[in-house]
Amino acid sequence: MPTIQKSDEEWRAQLTEEQYRVTRQKGTEPAFTGKYWNTTDDGVYRCIGCGEELFTSEEKFDSGCGWPSFYASSNPGAIDNITDKSWGMIRTEIVCKNCGAHLGHVFDDGPKPTGLRYCVNSASIQLDKPSDKPE
């Protein structure tokens, strides 16, 4: 059970329509359209719902799939894996453990050292760049 519990109305007030559709209704943004699919900037990727650190730019790689891809989480305890049997497939959905936001899916076709590919919707994350921090 996620730590952060909000009403549907509270989530709608906090998130954009696209962020809500993806994170609260388990949607997927079209490939090659999200804000971060080809970003190479340094920083920390946080959950759009609660700000929890999920990934860093160090784990990000270009998988060619059109979504931000990471070979590992910088904070593995922040992500829950859930069996997803939708759309006639069996996949592993990834959600933020803290707020329950749908992030995307994880696949076993990634690079070393893990062999994993966390395929994440840009709408579910926010990149905090080192240059964004006040000095």
N, C-alpha and C. Protein backbone atom coordinates (compact mmCIF):
# COMPACT_ATOMS: atom_id res chain seq x y z
N MET A 1 0.84 -1.18 0.00
CA MET A 1 0.00 0.00 0.00
C MET A 1 0.89 1.25 0.00
N PRO A 2 0.66 2.17 -0.93
CA PRO A 2 1.47 3.39 -0.97
C PRO A 2 1.35 4.21 0.31
N THR A 3 2.43 4.87 0.68
CA THR A 3 2.45 5.72 1.86
C THR A 3 1.57 6.95 1.66
N ILE A 4 1.66 7.55 0.48
CA ILE A 4 0.89 8.75 0.18
C ILE A 4 -0.45 8.36 -0.42
N GLN A 5 -1.50 8.77 0.26
CA GLN A 5 -2.86 8.49 -0.19
C GLN A 5 -3.55 9.83 -0.47
N LYS A 6 -4.03 10.02 -1.70
CA LYS A 6 -4.75 11.22 -2.07
C LYS A 6 -6.02 10.84 -2.81
N SER A 7 -6.97 11.73 -2.75
CA SER A 7 -8.21 11.49 -3.49
C SER A 7 -7.96 11.73 -4.98
N ASP A 8 -8.85 11.21 -5.77
CA ASP A 8 -8.78 11.43 -7.22
C ASP A 8 -8.77 12.93 -7.52
N GLU A 9 -9.57 13.67 -6.81
CA GLU A 9 -9.64 15.13 -7.00
C GLU A 9 -8.31 15.80 -6.67
N GLU A 10 -7.64 15.35 -5.61
CA GLU A 10 -6.34 15.91 -5.24
C GLU A 10 -5.28 15.61 -6.30
N TRP A 11 -5.28 14.36 -6.83
CA TRP A 11 -4.33 14.02 -7.88
C TRP A 11 -4.58 14.86 -9.13
N ARG A 12 -5.83 15.04 -9.51
CA ARG A 12 -6.16 15.84 -10.69
C ARG A 12 -5.73 17.30 -10.53
N ALA A 13 -5.81 17.81 -9.33
CA ALA A 13 -5.40 19.20 -9.07
C ALA A 13 -3.87 19.35 -9.13
N GLN A 14 -3.15 18.29 -8.75
CA GLN A 14 -1.68 18.34 -8.70
C GLN A 14 -1.03 18.09 -10.06
N LEU A 15 -1.60 17.20 -10.84
CA LEU A 15 -0.97 16.72 -12.07
C LEU A 15 -1.61 17.33 -13.31
N THR A 16 -0.83 17.38 -14.40
CA THR A 16 -1.42 17.76 -15.68
C THR A 16 -2.32 16.61 -16.14
N GLU A 17 -3.12 16.86 -17.15
CA GLU A 17 -4.01 15.82 -17.67
C GLU A 17 -3.21 14.60 -18.13
N GLU A 18 -2.11 14.83 -18.83
CA GLU A 18 -1.27 13.71 -19.31
C GLU A 18 -0.62 12.97 -18.14
N GLN A 19 -0.08 13.70 -17.17
CA GLN A 19 0.53 13.06 -16.00
C GLN A 19 -0.50 12.21 -15.25
N TYR A 20 -1.71 12.73 -15.12
CA TYR A 20 -2.78 11.99 -14.44
C TYR A 20 -3.12 10.72 -15.22
N ARG A 21 -3.29 10.84 -16.52
CA ARG A 21 -3.64 9.70 -17.36
C ARG A 21 -2.59 8.59 -17.24
N VAL A 22 -1.32 8.99 -17.27
CA VAL A 22 -0.25 8.00 -17.20
C VAL A 22 -0.09 7.43 -15.79
N THR A 23 0.04 8.28 -14.79
CA THR A 23 0.37 7.80 -13.44
C THR A 23 -0.79 7.23 -12.66
N ARG A 24 -1.98 7.75 -12.85
CA ARG A 24 -3.13 7.31 -12.06
C ARG A 24 -4.02 6.33 -12.81
N GLN A 25 -3.99 6.39 -14.16
CA GLN A 25 -4.84 5.50 -14.96
C GLN A 25 -4.03 4.47 -15.75
N LYS A 26 -2.74 4.37 -15.45
CA LYS A 26 -1.84 3.39 -16.07
C LYS A 26 -1.75 3.55 -17.58
N GLY A 27 -1.71 4.80 -18.02
CA GLY A 27 -1.58 5.09 -19.44
C GLY A 27 -0.14 5.00 -19.91
N THR A 28 0.03 5.17 -21.21
CA THR A 28 1.36 5.18 -21.82
C THR A 28 1.40 6.30 -22.84
N GLU A 29 2.45 7.09 -22.77
CA GLU A 29 2.60 8.14 -23.78
C GLU A 29 3.13 7.50 -25.06
N PRO A 30 2.82 8.05 -26.23
CA PRO A 30 3.35 7.49 -27.47
C PRO A 30 4.89 7.52 -27.50
N ALA A 31 5.48 6.53 -28.11
CA ALA A 31 6.94 6.47 -28.23
C ALA A 31 7.47 7.71 -28.93
N PHE A 32 8.65 8.13 -28.52
CA PHE A 32 9.38 9.26 -29.11
C PHE A 32 8.66 10.60 -28.94
N THR A 33 7.75 10.71 -27.97
CA THR A 33 7.04 11.97 -27.76
C THR A 33 7.28 12.58 -26.39
N GLY A 34 7.72 11.79 -25.43
CA GLY A 34 7.89 12.28 -24.06
C GLY A 34 9.08 13.22 -23.92
N LYS A 35 9.04 14.01 -22.89
CA LYS A 35 10.05 15.04 -22.63
C LYS A 35 11.46 14.47 -22.47
N TYR A 36 11.59 13.27 -21.92
CA TYR A 36 12.92 12.75 -21.56
C TYR A 36 13.42 11.58 -22.39
N TRP A 37 12.73 11.17 -23.43
CA TRP A 37 13.15 9.96 -24.15
C TRP A 37 14.56 10.08 -24.72
N ASN A 38 14.99 11.27 -25.11
CA ASN A 38 16.34 11.41 -25.67
C ASN A 38 17.20 12.41 -24.89
N THR A 39 16.81 12.72 -23.67
CA THR A 39 17.57 13.64 -22.83
C THR A 39 18.86 12.99 -22.36
N THR A 40 19.94 13.76 -22.42
CA THR A 40 21.24 13.27 -21.94
C THR A 40 21.77 14.14 -20.79
N ASP A 41 20.93 15.03 -20.27
CA ASP A 41 21.35 15.90 -19.17
C ASP A 41 21.59 15.10 -17.91
N ASP A 42 22.55 15.57 -17.10
CA ASP A 42 22.83 14.97 -15.80
C ASP A 42 21.75 15.35 -14.81
N GLY A 43 21.51 14.46 -13.86
CA GLY A 43 20.57 14.78 -12.79
C GLY A 43 19.88 13.57 -12.21
N VAL A 44 18.91 13.86 -11.37
CA VAL A 44 18.12 12.85 -10.68
C VAL A 44 16.70 12.87 -11.22
N TYR A 45 16.19 11.70 -11.57
CA TYR A 45 14.81 11.56 -12.04
C TYR A 45 13.94 11.20 -10.84
N ARG A 46 12.95 12.04 -10.57
CA ARG A 46 12.07 11.87 -9.42
C ARG A 46 10.64 11.57 -9.86
N CYS A 47 9.89 10.92 -9.00
CA CYS A 47 8.48 10.63 -9.26
C CYS A 47 7.72 11.94 -9.34
N ILE A 48 6.90 12.10 -10.37
CA ILE A 48 6.12 13.32 -10.56
C ILE A 48 5.04 13.45 -9.47
N GLY A 49 4.65 12.34 -8.87
CA GLY A 49 3.59 12.38 -7.87
C GLY A 49 4.05 12.78 -6.48
N CYS A 50 5.27 12.35 -6.12
CA CYS A 50 5.71 12.58 -4.73
C CYS A 50 7.14 13.10 -4.59
N GLY A 51 7.90 13.13 -5.68
CA GLY A 51 9.27 13.64 -5.60
C GLY A 51 10.31 12.63 -5.18
N GLU A 52 9.92 11.39 -4.99
CA GLU A 52 10.87 10.34 -4.58
C GLU A 52 11.91 10.11 -5.68
N GLU A 53 13.18 9.98 -5.28
CA GLU A 53 14.23 9.66 -6.26
C GLU A 53 14.01 8.24 -6.76
N LEU A 54 14.04 8.10 -8.11
CA LEU A 54 13.85 6.80 -8.73
C LEU A 54 15.06 6.35 -9.54
N PHE A 55 15.62 7.27 -10.33
CA PHE A 55 16.74 6.97 -11.23
C PHE A 55 17.67 8.19 -11.27
N THR A 56 18.87 7.97 -11.79
CA THR A 56 19.75 9.09 -12.10
C THR A 56 20.19 8.96 -13.55
N SER A 57 20.79 10.02 -14.04
CA SER A 57 21.28 10.01 -15.42
C SER A 57 22.37 8.97 -15.62
N GLU A 58 23.02 8.55 -14.55
CA GLU A 58 24.08 7.54 -14.65
C GLU A 58 23.54 6.19 -15.11
N GLU A 59 22.30 5.87 -14.77
CA GLU A 59 21.70 4.59 -15.15
C GLU A 59 20.93 4.67 -16.47
N LYS A 60 20.80 5.85 -17.04
CA LYS A 60 20.02 6.05 -18.26
C LYS A 60 20.83 5.60 -19.48
N PHE A 61 20.15 5.01 -20.45
CA PHE A 61 20.81 4.60 -21.69
C PHE A 61 19.82 4.72 -22.84
N ASP A 62 20.33 4.76 -24.05
CA ASP A 62 19.49 4.86 -25.24
C ASP A 62 19.15 3.46 -25.72
N SER A 63 17.92 3.05 -25.45
CA SER A 63 17.50 1.70 -25.83
C SER A 63 16.90 1.67 -27.24
N GLY A 64 16.60 2.86 -27.78
CA GLY A 64 15.99 2.93 -29.10
C GLY A 64 14.50 2.68 -29.10
N CYS A 65 13.90 2.53 -27.91
CA CYS A 65 12.47 2.20 -27.83
C CYS A 65 11.56 3.42 -27.84
N GLY A 66 12.12 4.62 -27.62
CA GLY A 66 11.31 5.83 -27.64
C GLY A 66 10.81 6.30 -26.29
N TRP A 67 11.21 5.62 -25.22
CA TRP A 67 10.89 6.04 -23.86
C TRP A 67 12.19 6.12 -23.08
N PRO A 68 12.23 6.93 -22.02
CA PRO A 68 13.42 6.94 -21.18
C PRO A 68 13.68 5.53 -20.65
N SER A 69 14.92 5.10 -20.76
CA SER A 69 15.28 3.75 -20.34
C SER A 69 16.44 3.79 -19.36
N PHE A 70 16.36 2.96 -18.34
CA PHE A 70 17.37 2.89 -17.30
C PHE A 70 17.70 1.43 -17.05
N TYR A 71 18.97 1.11 -16.80
CA TYR A 71 19.33 -0.29 -16.55
C TYR A 71 19.19 -0.67 -15.08
N ALA A 72 18.97 0.33 -14.21
CA ALA A 72 18.78 0.08 -12.78
C ALA A 72 18.13 1.30 -12.16
N SER A 73 17.59 1.13 -10.98
CA SER A 73 17.08 2.25 -10.20
C SER A 73 18.17 2.68 -9.24
N SER A 74 18.31 3.99 -9.05
CA SER A 74 19.26 4.50 -8.06
C SER A 74 18.71 4.31 -6.64
N ASN A 75 17.44 3.95 -6.55
CA ASN A 75 16.75 3.79 -5.28
C ASN A 75 15.79 2.61 -5.39
N PRO A 76 16.32 1.38 -5.47
CA PRO A 76 15.48 0.21 -5.73
C PRO A 76 14.32 0.03 -4.77
N GLY A 77 14.47 0.46 -3.54
CA GLY A 77 13.40 0.34 -2.55
C GLY A 77 12.21 1.25 -2.83
N ALA A 78 12.36 2.17 -3.78
CA ALA A 78 11.29 3.12 -4.10
C ALA A 78 10.36 2.60 -5.19
N ILE A 79 10.67 1.44 -5.77
CA ILE A 79 9.88 0.92 -6.88
C ILE A 79 9.32 -0.45 -6.54
N ASP A 80 8.03 -0.62 -6.81
CA ASP A 80 7.38 -1.93 -6.67
C ASP A 80 7.18 -2.53 -8.06
N ASN A 81 7.36 -3.83 -8.17
CA ASN A 81 7.09 -4.57 -9.40
C ASN A 81 5.76 -5.29 -9.24
N ILE A 82 4.91 -5.16 -10.26
CA ILE A 82 3.58 -5.77 -10.23
C ILE A 82 3.35 -6.52 -11.53
N THR A 83 2.86 -7.75 -11.45
CA THR A 83 2.54 -8.50 -12.66
C THR A 83 1.38 -7.81 -13.38
N ASP A 84 1.58 -7.53 -14.66
CA ASP A 84 0.60 -6.84 -15.50
C ASP A 84 0.16 -7.80 -16.60
N LYS A 85 -1.10 -8.19 -16.60
CA LYS A 85 -1.63 -9.12 -17.60
C LYS A 85 -2.56 -8.43 -18.59
N SER A 86 -2.43 -7.09 -18.71
CA SER A 86 -3.29 -6.35 -19.64
C SER A 86 -2.81 -6.51 -21.07
N TRP A 87 -3.69 -6.20 -22.00
CA TRP A 87 -3.38 -6.20 -23.43
C TRP A 87 -2.91 -7.56 -23.95
N GLY A 88 -3.32 -8.63 -23.29
CA GLY A 88 -2.99 -9.98 -23.75
C GLY A 88 -1.53 -10.35 -23.59
N MET A 89 -0.82 -9.64 -22.71
CA MET A 89 0.60 -9.91 -22.47
C MET A 89 0.83 -10.10 -20.97
N ILE A 90 1.95 -10.67 -20.63
CA ILE A 90 2.37 -10.71 -19.24
C ILE A 90 3.66 -9.89 -19.16
N ARG A 91 3.58 -8.79 -18.43
CA ARG A 91 4.72 -7.89 -18.26
C ARG A 91 4.87 -7.55 -16.79
N THR A 92 5.94 -6.85 -16.46
CA THR A 92 6.15 -6.39 -15.10
C THR A 92 6.00 -4.88 -15.07
N GLU A 93 4.93 -4.43 -14.45
CA GLU A 93 4.69 -3.00 -14.28
C GLU A 93 5.56 -2.49 -13.14
N ILE A 94 6.03 -1.25 -13.27
CA ILE A 94 6.76 -0.62 -12.17
C ILE A 94 5.95 0.58 -11.69
N VAL A 95 5.84 0.68 -10.36
CA VAL A 95 5.11 1.78 -9.73
C VAL A 95 5.95 2.37 -8.61
N CYS A 96 5.71 3.63 -8.32
CA CYS A 96 6.36 4.28 -7.19
C CYS A 96 5.79 3.69 -5.91
N LYS A 97 6.65 3.17 -5.08
CA LYS A 97 6.22 2.55 -3.83
C LYS A 97 5.60 3.58 -2.88
N ASN A 98 6.07 4.81 -2.98
CA ASN A 98 5.64 5.87 -2.07
C ASN A 98 4.22 6.38 -2.37
N CYS A 99 3.89 6.56 -3.67
CA CYS A 99 2.58 7.14 -4.01
C CYS A 99 1.75 6.29 -4.96
N GLY A 100 2.30 5.17 -5.44
CA GLY A 100 1.55 4.28 -6.31
C GLY A 100 1.48 4.71 -7.76
N ALA A 101 2.24 5.72 -8.15
CA ALA A 101 2.21 6.20 -9.54
C ALA A 101 2.72 5.13 -10.50
N HIS A 102 1.96 4.92 -11.57
CA HIS A 102 2.41 4.04 -12.64
C HIS A 102 3.59 4.72 -13.34
N LEU A 103 4.71 4.02 -13.45
CA LEU A 103 5.92 4.57 -14.08
C LEU A 103 6.14 4.01 -15.47
N GLY A 104 5.85 2.75 -15.66
CA GLY A 104 6.09 2.06 -16.92
C GLY A 104 6.23 0.58 -16.67
N HIS A 105 7.20 -0.05 -17.34
CA HIS A 105 7.43 -1.49 -17.21
C HIS A 105 8.93 -1.77 -17.19
N VAL A 106 9.30 -2.92 -16.67
CA VAL A 106 10.70 -3.35 -16.69
C VAL A 106 10.77 -4.64 -17.49
N PHE A 107 11.81 -4.71 -18.34
CA PHE A 107 12.02 -5.85 -19.23
C PHE A 107 13.42 -6.41 -19.01
N ASP A 108 13.63 -7.65 -19.41
CA ASP A 108 14.94 -8.30 -19.21
C ASP A 108 15.81 -8.26 -20.46
N ASP A 109 15.69 -7.18 -21.24
CA ASP A 109 16.50 -7.05 -22.47
C ASP A 109 17.43 -5.84 -22.42
N GLY A 110 17.83 -5.46 -21.23
CA GLY A 110 18.70 -4.29 -21.07
C GLY A 110 20.18 -4.66 -21.10
N PRO A 111 21.02 -3.64 -20.96
CA PRO A 111 22.47 -3.86 -21.01
C PRO A 111 23.03 -4.35 -19.68
N LYS A 112 24.29 -4.72 -19.70
CA LYS A 112 25.01 -5.04 -18.46
C LYS A 112 25.15 -3.75 -17.68
N PRO A 113 25.24 -3.77 -16.41
CA PRO A 113 25.49 -4.94 -15.57
C PRO A 113 24.23 -5.67 -15.12
N THR A 114 23.03 -5.13 -15.32
CA THR A 114 21.83 -5.76 -14.78
C THR A 114 21.05 -6.59 -15.78
N GLY A 115 21.15 -6.26 -17.06
CA GLY A 115 20.34 -6.92 -18.07
C GLY A 115 18.90 -6.45 -18.08
N LEU A 116 18.61 -5.40 -17.32
CA LEU A 116 17.25 -4.88 -17.22
C LEU A 116 17.08 -3.60 -18.03
N ARG A 117 15.85 -3.36 -18.45
CA ARG A 117 15.48 -2.09 -19.11
C ARG A 117 14.21 -1.58 -18.45
N TYR A 118 14.39 -0.60 -17.58
CA TYR A 118 13.25 0.09 -16.99
C TYR A 118 12.76 1.08 -18.04
N CYS A 119 11.62 0.82 -18.63
CA CYS A 119 11.04 1.63 -19.69
C CYS A 119 10.00 2.54 -19.03
N VAL A 120 10.33 3.83 -18.94
CA VAL A 120 9.58 4.76 -18.09
C VAL A 120 8.90 5.84 -18.93
N ASN A 121 7.69 6.19 -18.58
CA ASN A 121 6.99 7.30 -19.23
C ASN A 121 7.55 8.63 -18.72
N SER A 122 7.88 9.53 -19.63
CA SER A 122 8.36 10.85 -19.23
C SER A 122 7.35 11.57 -18.35
N ALA A 123 6.06 11.34 -18.60
CA ALA A 123 5.01 12.01 -17.83
C ALA A 123 5.00 11.60 -16.36
N SER A 124 5.69 10.52 -16.02
CA SER A 124 5.69 10.05 -14.63
C SER A 124 6.91 10.50 -13.83
N ILE A 125 7.83 11.20 -14.48
CA ILE A 125 9.07 11.60 -13.81
C ILE A 125 9.38 13.08 -14.05
N GLN A 126 10.26 13.60 -13.20
CA GLN A 126 10.75 14.97 -13.32
C GLN A 126 12.26 14.93 -13.14
N LEU A 127 13.01 15.54 -14.06
CA LEU A 127 14.46 15.57 -13.97
C LEU A 127 14.90 16.78 -13.17
N ASP A 128 15.61 16.53 -12.07
CA ASP A 128 16.25 17.60 -11.31
C ASP A 128 17.71 17.65 -11.74
N LYS A 129 18.08 18.72 -12.45
CA LYS A 129 19.45 18.89 -12.92
C LYS A 129 20.27 19.57 -11.84
N PRO A 130 21.57 19.26 -11.77
CA PRO A 130 22.41 19.93 -10.79
C PRO A 130 22.36 21.46 -10.92
N SER A 131 22.21 21.95 -12.15
CA SER A 131 22.16 23.40 -12.39
C SER A 131 20.86 24.02 -11.89
N ASP A 132 19.84 23.18 -11.57
CA ASP A 132 18.57 23.69 -11.08
C ASP A 132 18.61 23.99 -9.59
N LYS A 133 19.67 23.52 -8.90
CA LYS A 133 19.77 23.68 -7.46
C LYS A 133 20.33 25.05 -7.11
N PRO A 134 19.73 25.72 -6.11
CA PRO A 134 20.29 27.01 -5.66
C PRO A 134 21.64 26.80 -4.99
N GLU A 135 22.52 27.75 -5.14
CA GLU A 135 23.85 27.62 -4.52
C GLU A 135 23.90 28.25 -3.16
